[in-house]
Amino acid sequence: MATPVRTPATLERSAGSAASSLPALLTEAERVAGTLAAGLHGRRRPGTGETFWQYRDYAQGDAASAVDWRQSARSPGRLFVRQTEWETAATVRLWVPGTESLDYASGEVTKGWRAAVIAVGLAVLLGRGGERTGSMDGPARSGRIAAAALAERLLAADTDPLPPLPPEGATRLVYVSDFHADTDQLLARLAAIRAAGRPCHLVQVSDPAEVTFPFEGRTVFRSPSGRERMIFGDAGAVRTGYAAAREAHLGALKDACARYGWTYTAHATDKPATPVLAALHAAMSQDRAR
């Protein structure tokens, strides 16, 4: 499917839609993260990763309790925060594309909305543990402002279906998408990302109709924008071929993750977001132990 071109007019409409969706996205992401956090005891544990490492300037979103007032008193006009070794090293970068395929929903929840909820919910959880998060093309932040900044970025993401290369300073990577891209191009991009040598986690989001392909008889398939369509006289007749092509594509993706030592998590939008967020958070907790 061709990638839609974003003109100034469509960009303006997209920006307006993103602005109206931001509060709802943050609310749902924080609700999902809060449900999961209630069963966690946090990331605080003894060891070199929690020891004092250096001072950094206070940033919006940092808790007032994090300020080292004694150190700050030595430099009038500046506030300093004691940063741990782990906080200095850990910058998690997250990606959700703005592709048209993610706008699809056979039910109430689009793939794109659920992908954004997972990514922003993860940022909320990591932020509560003092870690810095950000989009692939924006600044990394800590605290609640990090989740808000990420949500704003994701709601205005570009339409490239290929996961981007990580920016400098990224220590862990999270890619959440339906990964509807040419298989060979996708595998080549994943190989390039692998060369960066960073722990990586992929979450593949599907609509349940994409999994079961419940269509029969004459069926008209339209892109979410309505610009493209395809007609099948008997949709049921292509179910087997569709399932085989889908399995081959996702199988290649899973195999690449296995070779690279990455995690791969599949999620369907008719399921709750909390379990997949829990699995992702648990998988990422192993990065630190490596």
Protein backbone atom coordinates (compact mmCIF):
# COMPACT_ATOMS: atom_id res chain seq x y z
CA MET A 1 0.00 0.00 0.00
CA ALA A 2 1.34 3.38 -0.95
CA THR A 3 2.41 5.71 1.82
CA PRO A 4 0.11 8.77 1.94
CA VAL A 5 1.74 12.12 1.31
CA ARG A 6 1.38 14.64 4.12
CA THR A 7 0.57 18.08 2.74
CA PRO A 8 0.37 21.23 4.90
CA ALA A 9 -3.41 20.77 5.07
CA THR A 10 -3.21 17.14 6.20
CA LEU A 11 -0.46 18.02 8.65
CA GLU A 12 -2.70 20.71 10.16
CA ARG A 13 -5.61 18.27 10.49
CA SER A 14 -3.27 15.68 11.98
CA ALA A 15 -1.95 18.17 14.51
CA GLY A 16 -5.49 19.10 15.54
CA SER A 17 -6.46 15.47 15.92
CA ALA A 18 -3.33 14.76 17.94
CA ALA A 19 -4.00 17.66 20.27
CA SER A 20 -7.55 16.46 20.97
CA SER A 21 -6.41 12.85 21.48
CA LEU A 22 -3.50 13.60 23.81
CA PRO A 23 -5.42 13.80 27.12
CA ALA A 24 -7.29 10.56 26.42
CA LEU A 25 -4.08 8.76 25.44
CA LEU A 26 -2.29 9.88 28.60
CA THR A 27 -5.26 8.93 30.77
CA GLU A 28 -5.52 5.43 29.33
CA ALA A 29 -1.76 4.85 29.38
CA GLU A 30 -1.54 5.94 33.02
CA ARG A 31 -4.51 3.75 33.93
CA VAL A 32 -2.93 0.69 32.31
CA ALA A 33 0.46 1.44 33.87
CA GLY A 34 -1.16 2.04 37.25
CA THR A 35 -2.90 -1.33 37.15
CA LEU A 36 0.40 -3.03 36.47
CA ALA A 37 2.39 -0.93 38.94
CA ALA A 38 0.05 -1.97 41.74
CA GLY A 39 1.50 -5.46 41.45
CA LEU A 40 5.11 -4.38 41.26
CA HIS A 41 7.48 -3.36 44.02
CA GLY A 42 9.50 -0.98 41.90
CA ARG A 43 12.97 -1.24 40.48
CA ARG A 44 14.88 -0.21 43.59
CA ARG A 45 17.44 -2.78 44.61
CA PRO A 46 20.97 -2.49 46.03
CA GLY A 47 24.01 -2.58 43.78
CA THR A 48 26.33 -0.41 41.76
CA GLY A 49 23.55 0.54 39.39
CA GLU A 50 21.83 2.52 42.17
CA THR A 51 24.93 4.23 43.55
CA PHE A 52 25.54 7.96 43.13
CA TRP A 53 27.23 8.76 39.85
CA GLN A 54 27.14 12.47 39.07
CA TYR A 55 25.16 15.69 39.35
CA ARG A 56 22.96 17.00 36.56
CA ASP A 57 20.81 20.10 36.20
CA TYR A 58 17.26 19.92 37.46
CA ALA A 59 14.80 19.39 34.60
CA GLN A 60 11.08 19.98 34.37
CA GLY A 61 9.36 16.83 35.55
CA ASP A 62 11.96 15.98 38.21
CA ALA A 63 10.57 15.63 41.72
CA ALA A 64 11.51 18.40 44.17
CA SER A 65 12.78 15.70 46.53
CA ALA A 66 15.42 14.79 43.94
CA VAL A 67 17.16 18.17 44.27
CA ASP A 68 20.46 18.17 46.17
CA TRP A 69 20.07 21.49 47.98
CA ARG A 70 23.58 21.48 49.44
CA GLN A 71 25.19 21.14 46.00
CA SER A 72 22.73 23.65 44.52
CA ALA A 73 23.63 26.24 47.17
CA ARG A 74 27.19 26.32 45.81
CA SER A 75 25.97 27.58 42.42
CA PRO A 76 23.39 30.36 42.77
CA GLY A 77 20.71 30.21 40.11
CA ARG A 78 21.13 26.49 39.42
CA LEU A 79 19.50 23.40 40.88
CA PHE A 80 21.27 20.03 40.82
CA VAL A 81 19.90 16.48 40.98
CA ARG A 82 21.93 13.51 42.17
CA GLN A 83 21.92 11.08 39.28
CA THR A 84 22.64 7.38 39.76
CA GLU A 85 24.88 5.31 37.54
CA TRP A 86 21.85 3.48 36.15
CA GLU A 87 19.96 6.69 35.41
CA THR A 88 23.00 8.11 33.63
CA ALA A 89 23.29 5.07 31.41
CA ALA A 90 19.66 4.17 30.77
CA THR A 91 17.84 6.02 28.02
CA VAL A 92 14.99 4.04 26.51
CA ARG A 93 13.85 5.04 23.04
CA LEU A 94 10.40 4.05 21.80
CA TRP A 95 8.80 4.06 18.37
CA VAL A 96 5.28 3.77 17.03
CA PRO A 97 4.82 4.77 13.37
CA GLY A 98 2.02 6.91 11.99
CA THR A 99 1.26 4.47 9.18
CA GLU A 100 -2.19 4.22 7.66
CA SER A 101 -2.36 0.49 8.37
CA LEU A 102 -2.35 1.23 12.11
CA ASP A 103 -5.59 3.20 11.69
CA TYR A 104 -7.44 -0.06 11.05
CA ALA A 105 -9.96 -1.42 13.54
CA SER A 106 -12.58 -4.12 13.10
CA GLY A 107 -13.86 -3.18 16.56
CA GLU A 108 -13.56 -0.10 18.74
CA VAL A 109 -9.78 0.08 19.16
CA THR A 110 -7.39 0.87 16.32
CA LYS A 111 -4.00 -0.78 16.21
CA GLY A 112 -2.33 2.62 16.36
CA TRP A 113 -4.16 3.67 19.51
CA ARG A 114 -3.30 0.44 21.29
CA ALA A 115 0.34 0.65 20.16
CA ALA A 116 0.56 4.19 21.54
CA VAL A 117 -1.05 3.14 24.84
CA ILE A 118 1.53 0.37 25.23
CA ALA A 119 4.46 2.67 24.45
CA VAL A 120 3.28 5.55 26.65
CA GLY A 121 2.26 3.17 29.42
CA LEU A 122 5.77 1.75 29.39
CA ALA A 123 7.19 5.28 29.58
CA VAL A 124 5.03 5.91 32.65
CA LEU A 125 6.33 2.76 34.35
CA LEU A 126 9.96 3.46 33.49
CA GLY A 127 9.60 7.07 34.56
CA ARG A 128 8.40 5.98 37.98
CA GLY A 129 11.64 4.04 38.28
CA GLY A 130 13.71 7.13 37.46
CA GLU A 131 14.61 6.11 33.91
CA ARG A 132 14.70 8.46 30.95
CA THR A 133 12.52 7.82 27.92
CA GLY A 134 11.86 9.47 24.60
CA SER A 135 10.84 8.96 21.01
CA MET A 136 13.44 8.09 18.41
CA ASP A 137 13.56 11.69 17.19
CA GLY A 138 12.89 13.72 20.33
CA PRO A 139 14.69 14.58 23.57
CA ALA A 140 14.84 12.02 26.36
CA ARG A 141 13.23 13.08 29.62
CA SER A 142 12.46 11.69 33.04
CA GLY A 143 9.39 11.99 35.21
CA ARG A 144 5.77 12.40 34.16
CA ILE A 145 6.64 14.96 31.51
CA ALA A 146 8.49 12.21 29.62
CA ALA A 147 5.29 10.24 29.03
CA ALA A 148 3.42 13.38 27.96
CA ALA A 149 6.18 14.37 25.54
CA LEU A 150 6.31 10.85 24.09
CA ALA A 151 2.53 10.75 23.63
CA GLU A 152 2.60 14.06 21.78
CA ARG A 153 5.37 12.82 19.49
CA LEU A 154 3.67 9.51 18.75
CA LEU A 155 0.36 11.12 17.84
CA ALA A 156 2.19 13.10 15.14
CA ALA A 157 4.59 10.34 14.02
CA ASP A 158 5.70 10.06 10.41
CA THR A 159 4.36 7.44 8.02
CA ASP A 160 7.53 5.44 7.37
CA PRO A 161 6.67 1.79 8.16
CA LEU A 162 10.32 0.82 8.68
CA PRO A 163 11.66 1.11 12.23
CA PRO A 164 14.27 3.89 12.45
CA LEU A 165 17.88 3.49 13.47
CA PRO A 166 18.47 4.40 17.12
CA PRO A 167 19.80 7.87 17.98
CA GLU A 168 23.07 8.40 19.79
CA GLY A 169 22.89 7.68 23.49
CA ALA A 170 20.04 5.18 23.31
CA THR A 171 20.72 2.19 25.55
CA ARG A 172 17.50 0.24 25.01
CA LEU A 173 15.02 0.23 22.14
CA VAL A 174 11.32 -0.55 21.93
CA TYR A 175 9.49 -0.81 18.59
CA VAL A 176 5.69 -1.16 18.66
CA SER A 177 3.96 -1.59 15.30
CA ASP A 178 2.02 -3.94 13.07
CA PHE A 179 5.23 -4.12 10.99
CA HIS A 180 3.34 -3.95 7.71
CA ALA A 181 6.37 -3.37 5.53
CA ASP A 182 8.12 -5.27 2.78
CA THR A 183 9.67 -8.32 4.42
CA ASP A 184 13.12 -7.97 2.86
CA GLN A 185 13.30 -4.24 3.61
CA LEU A 186 12.15 -4.86 7.17
CA LEU A 187 14.75 -7.56 7.77
CA ALA A 188 17.48 -5.35 6.31
CA ARG A 189 16.50 -2.51 8.65
CA LEU A 190 16.45 -4.82 11.67
CA ALA A 191 19.95 -6.00 10.75
CA ALA A 192 21.11 -2.38 10.67
CA ILE A 193 19.52 -1.76 14.07
CA ARG A 194 21.23 -4.88 15.39
CA ALA A 195 24.60 -3.40 14.40
CA ALA A 196 24.05 -0.70 17.03
CA GLY A 197 24.38 -3.42 19.67
CA ARG A 198 21.52 -2.27 21.90
CA PRO A 199 18.94 -4.47 23.65
CA CYS A 200 15.79 -4.33 21.56
CA HIS A 201 12.17 -5.27 22.14
CA LEU A 202 9.52 -5.62 19.44
CA VAL A 203 5.77 -5.64 20.05
CA GLN A 204 3.71 -6.69 17.03
CA VAL A 205 0.14 -5.38 17.20
CA SER A 206 -2.68 -6.98 15.20
CA ASP A 207 -6.40 -6.51 14.83
CA PRO A 208 -8.27 -9.77 15.54
CA ALA A 209 -9.71 -9.72 12.02
CA GLU A 210 -6.16 -9.82 10.66
CA VAL A 211 -5.50 -12.92 12.73
CA THR A 212 -8.66 -14.89 11.89
CA PHE A 213 -9.61 -13.37 8.49
CA PRO A 214 -13.34 -14.00 9.09
CA PHE A 215 -14.49 -12.74 5.69
CA GLU A 216 -16.72 -14.71 3.31
CA GLY A 217 -18.27 -14.08 -0.08
CA ARG A 218 -17.91 -10.87 -2.04
CA THR A 219 -15.92 -8.48 0.09
CA VAL A 220 -14.58 -5.00 -0.53
CA PHE A 221 -11.39 -4.19 1.38
CA ARG A 222 -10.67 -0.49 1.79
CA SER A 223 -7.69 1.30 3.24
CA PRO A 224 -8.55 3.29 6.40
CA SER A 225 -8.41 6.53 4.39
CA GLY A 226 -10.68 5.10 1.69
CA ARG A 227 -8.19 5.98 -1.04
CA GLU A 228 -7.47 2.37 -1.98
CA ARG A 229 -9.68 -0.67 -2.28
CA MET A 230 -9.56 -4.28 -3.39
CA ILE A 231 -12.55 -6.49 -4.25
CA PHE A 232 -12.66 -10.26 -3.80
CA GLY A 233 -15.52 -12.26 -5.28
CA ASP A 234 -15.02 -14.89 -2.60
CA ALA A 235 -12.89 -13.68 0.29
CA GLY A 236 -12.99 -17.08 1.94
CA ALA A 237 -11.13 -18.58 -1.01
CA VAL A 238 -8.02 -16.53 -0.26
CA ARG A 239 -7.99 -17.22 3.49
CA THR A 240 -5.43 -20.02 3.30
CA GLY A 241 -3.06 -18.05 1.08
CA TYR A 242 -3.45 -14.96 3.24
CA ALA A 243 -2.71 -16.93 6.41
CA ALA A 244 0.38 -18.49 4.84
CA ALA A 245 1.73 -15.11 3.69
CA ARG A 246 1.08 -13.55 7.09
CA GLU A 247 2.74 -16.45 8.90
CA ALA A 248 5.79 -16.26 6.63
CA HIS A 249 6.16 -12.51 7.18
CA LEU A 250 5.77 -12.60 10.95
CA GLY A 251 7.80 -15.79 11.16
CA ALA A 252 10.74 -14.04 9.50
CA LEU A 253 10.36 -11.20 12.01
CA LYS A 254 10.30 -13.60 14.97
CA ASP A 255 13.28 -15.54 13.63
CA ALA A 256 15.31 -12.33 13.32
CA CYS A 257 14.50 -11.41 16.92
CA ALA A 258 15.57 -14.86 18.09
CA ARG A 259 18.88 -14.61 16.22
CA TYR A 260 19.62 -11.18 17.64
CA GLY A 261 18.67 -12.03 21.21
CA TRP A 262 15.74 -9.60 21.11
CA THR A 263 12.28 -10.15 22.55
CA TYR A 264 9.20 -10.44 20.37
CA THR A 265 5.71 -10.03 21.81
CA ALA A 266 2.50 -10.41 19.80
CA HIS A 267 -0.64 -8.57 20.85
CA ALA A 268 -4.18 -8.40 19.46
CA THR A 269 -6.35 -5.37 20.13
CA ASP A 270 -9.29 -7.44 21.43
CA LYS A 271 -7.12 -8.34 24.44
CA PRO A 272 -6.33 -6.04 27.40
CA ALA A 273 -3.18 -3.95 27.19
CA THR A 274 -2.01 -4.75 30.72
CA PRO A 275 -0.68 -8.31 30.08
CA VAL A 276 1.44 -7.27 27.10
CA LEU A 277 2.76 -4.28 29.03
CA ALA A 278 3.63 -6.59 31.93
CA ALA A 279 5.46 -8.97 29.59
CA LEU A 280 7.35 -6.11 27.99
CA HIS A 281 8.30 -4.56 31.33
CA ALA A 282 9.48 -7.96 32.62
CA ALA A 283 11.55 -8.56 29.49
CA MET A 284 13.17 -5.15 29.81
CA SER A 285 14.03 -5.78 33.44
CA GLN A 286 16.37 -8.50 32.20
CA ASP A 287 18.39 -5.97 30.17
CA ARG A 288 19.86 -4.57 33.33
CA ALA A 289 20.93 -8.00 34.56
CA ARG A 290 22.90 -8.74 31.40
